[in-house]
Amino acid sequence: MQEKLILEMKRLHITSKELASIIGISEKQFGNKLNGKVDFKSSEMFIIADYLHKKIDDIFLPTMYENRTKNVRGD
């Protein structure tokens, strides 16, 4: 489930229909992506982030990765 995206949509009063139209898919397809049944394509994530004036990781990075202090190599 895309919790951050849902919260941002509520905050900005943006509908699923509106974002679905922006990325060129049906509202049903968008709902499946929003609920985690289908993954967003990277191109769709870039379009959404640009539309919301956010970085992709601000919207799509899972919360559990936000506060990591180590880098990927574990240094």
C-alpha atoms as a PDB file:
ATOM      1  CA  MET A   1       0.000   0.000   0.000  1.00  0.00           C
ATOM      2  CA  GLN A   2       1.285   3.425  -0.931  1.00  0.00           C
ATOM      3  CA  GLU A   3       0.638   5.161   2.401  1.00  0.00           C
ATOM      4  CA  LYS A   4       2.783   8.220   1.703  1.00  0.00           C
ATOM      5  CA  LEU A   5       1.154   8.812  -1.651  1.00  0.00           C
ATOM      6  CA  ILE A   6      -2.309   8.441  -0.143  1.00  0.00           C
ATOM      7  CA  LEU A   7      -1.473  10.957   2.594  1.00  0.00           C
ATOM      8  CA  GLU A   8      -0.055  13.411   0.065  1.00  0.00           C
ATOM      9  CA  MET A   9      -3.145  13.049  -2.127  1.00  0.00           C
ATOM     10  CA  LYS A  10      -5.388  13.778   0.862  1.00  0.00           C
ATOM     11  CA  ARG A  11      -3.258  16.742   1.913  1.00  0.00           C
ATOM     12  CA  LEU A  12      -3.424  18.266  -1.566  1.00  0.00           C
ATOM     13  CA  HIS A  13      -7.026  17.195  -2.275  1.00  0.00           C
ATOM     14  CA  ILE A  14      -5.968  15.234  -5.363  1.00  0.00           C
ATOM     15  CA  THR A  15      -8.203  12.391  -6.497  1.00  0.00           C
ATOM     16  CA  SER A  16      -7.228   8.957  -7.779  1.00  0.00           C
ATOM     17  CA  LYS A  17      -8.999   9.844 -11.007  1.00  0.00           C
ATOM     18  CA  GLU A  18      -6.810  12.917 -11.434  1.00  0.00           C
ATOM     19  CA  LEU A  19      -3.513  11.064 -10.866  1.00  0.00           C
ATOM     20  CA  ALA A  20      -4.651   8.135 -13.005  1.00  0.00           C
ATOM     21  CA  SER A  21      -5.286  10.571 -15.835  1.00  0.00           C
ATOM     22  CA  ILE A  22      -1.890  12.214 -15.327  1.00  0.00           C
ATOM     23  CA  ILE A  23      -0.056   8.890 -15.756  1.00  0.00           C
ATOM     24  CA  GLY A  24      -2.382   7.633 -18.486  1.00  0.00           C
ATOM     25  CA  ILE A  25      -4.109   4.686 -16.813  1.00  0.00           C
ATOM     26  CA  SER A  26      -7.634   3.923 -15.644  1.00  0.00           C
ATOM     27  CA  GLU A  27      -8.824   4.800 -12.177  1.00  0.00           C
ATOM     28  CA  LYS A  28      -9.197   1.067 -11.450  1.00  0.00           C
ATOM     29  CA  GLN A  29      -5.589   0.394 -12.478  1.00  0.00           C
ATOM     30  CA  PHE A  30      -4.460   3.296 -10.306  1.00  0.00           C
ATOM     31  CA  GLY A  31      -6.422   1.900  -7.363  1.00  0.00           C
ATOM     32  CA  ASN A  32      -4.686  -1.460  -7.782  1.00  0.00           C
ATOM     33  CA  LYS A  33      -1.320   0.286  -7.733  1.00  0.00           C
ATOM     34  CA  LEU A  34      -2.271   2.456  -4.776  1.00  0.00           C
ATOM     35  CA  ASN A  35      -3.378  -0.603  -2.799  1.00  0.00           C
ATOM     36  CA  GLY A  36      -0.208  -2.525  -3.608  1.00  0.00           C
ATOM     37  CA  LYS A  37      -1.799  -5.151  -5.850  1.00  0.00           C
ATOM     38  CA  VAL A  38       0.319  -3.925  -8.786  1.00  0.00           C
ATOM     39  CA  ASP A  39       3.598  -1.992  -8.652  1.00  0.00           C
ATOM     40  CA  PHE A  40       3.955   1.472 -10.106  1.00  0.00           C
ATOM     41  CA  LYS A  41       6.284   1.641 -13.102  1.00  0.00           C
ATOM     42  CA  SER A  42       9.325   3.830 -12.567  1.00  0.00           C
ATOM     43  CA  SER A  43       8.097   6.178 -15.297  1.00  0.00           C
ATOM     44  CA  GLU A  44       4.786   6.570 -13.437  1.00  0.00           C
ATOM     45  CA  MET A  45       6.621   7.320 -10.191  1.00  0.00           C
ATOM     46  CA  PHE A  46       8.638  10.068 -11.892  1.00  0.00           C
ATOM     47  CA  ILE A  47       5.511  11.626 -13.384  1.00  0.00           C
ATOM     48  CA  ILE A  48       3.675  11.553 -10.036  1.00  0.00           C
ATOM     49  CA  ALA A  49       6.649  12.957  -8.122  1.00  0.00           C
ATOM     50  CA  ASP A  50       7.042  15.746 -10.670  1.00  0.00           C
ATOM     51  CA  TYR A  51       3.321  16.538 -10.555  1.00  0.00           C
ATOM     52  CA  LEU A  52       3.413  16.699  -6.736  1.00  0.00           C
ATOM     53  CA  HIS A  53       6.705  18.672  -6.727  1.00  0.00           C
ATOM     54  CA  LYS A  54       8.340  15.989  -4.569  1.00  0.00           C
ATOM     55  CA  LYS A  55      11.297  13.640  -4.803  1.00  0.00           C
ATOM     56  CA  ILE A  56      10.424  10.043  -5.642  1.00  0.00           C
ATOM     57  CA  ASP A  57      11.798   8.760  -2.343  1.00  0.00           C
ATOM     58  CA  ASP A  58       9.573  11.212  -0.448  1.00  0.00           C
ATOM     59  CA  ILE A  59       6.559   9.422  -1.913  1.00  0.00           C
ATOM     60  CA  PHE A  60       7.544   5.873  -2.773  1.00  0.00           C
ATOM     61  CA  LEU A  61      10.394   4.895  -0.408  1.00  0.00           C
ATOM     62  CA  PRO A  62       8.998   2.658   2.342  1.00  0.00           C
ATOM     63  CA  THR A  63       8.956   4.308   5.765  1.00  0.00           C
ATOM     64  CA  MET A  64      11.287   1.654   7.216  1.00  0.00           C
ATOM     65  CA  TYR A  65      14.111   2.974   4.986  1.00  0.00           C
ATOM     66  CA  GLU A  66      13.695   6.669   5.772  1.00  0.00           C
ATOM     67  CA  ASN A  67      15.817   6.908   8.896  1.00  0.00           C
ATOM     68  CA  ARG A  68      18.675   4.578   7.961  1.00  0.00           C
ATOM     69  CA  THR A  69      22.029   5.865   9.159  1.00  0.00           C
ATOM     70  CA  LYS A  70      24.198   3.300   7.358  1.00  0.00           C
ATOM     71  CA  ASN A  71      24.773   3.350   3.646  1.00  0.00           C
ATOM     72  CA  VAL A  72      24.032   0.384   1.402  1.00  0.00           C
ATOM     73  CA  ARG A  73      27.483  -1.167   1.929  1.00  0.00           C
ATOM     74  CA  GLY A  74      27.039  -1.035   5.717  1.00  0.00           C
ATOM     75  CA  ASP A  75      29.955   1.380   6.340  1.00  0.00           C
END
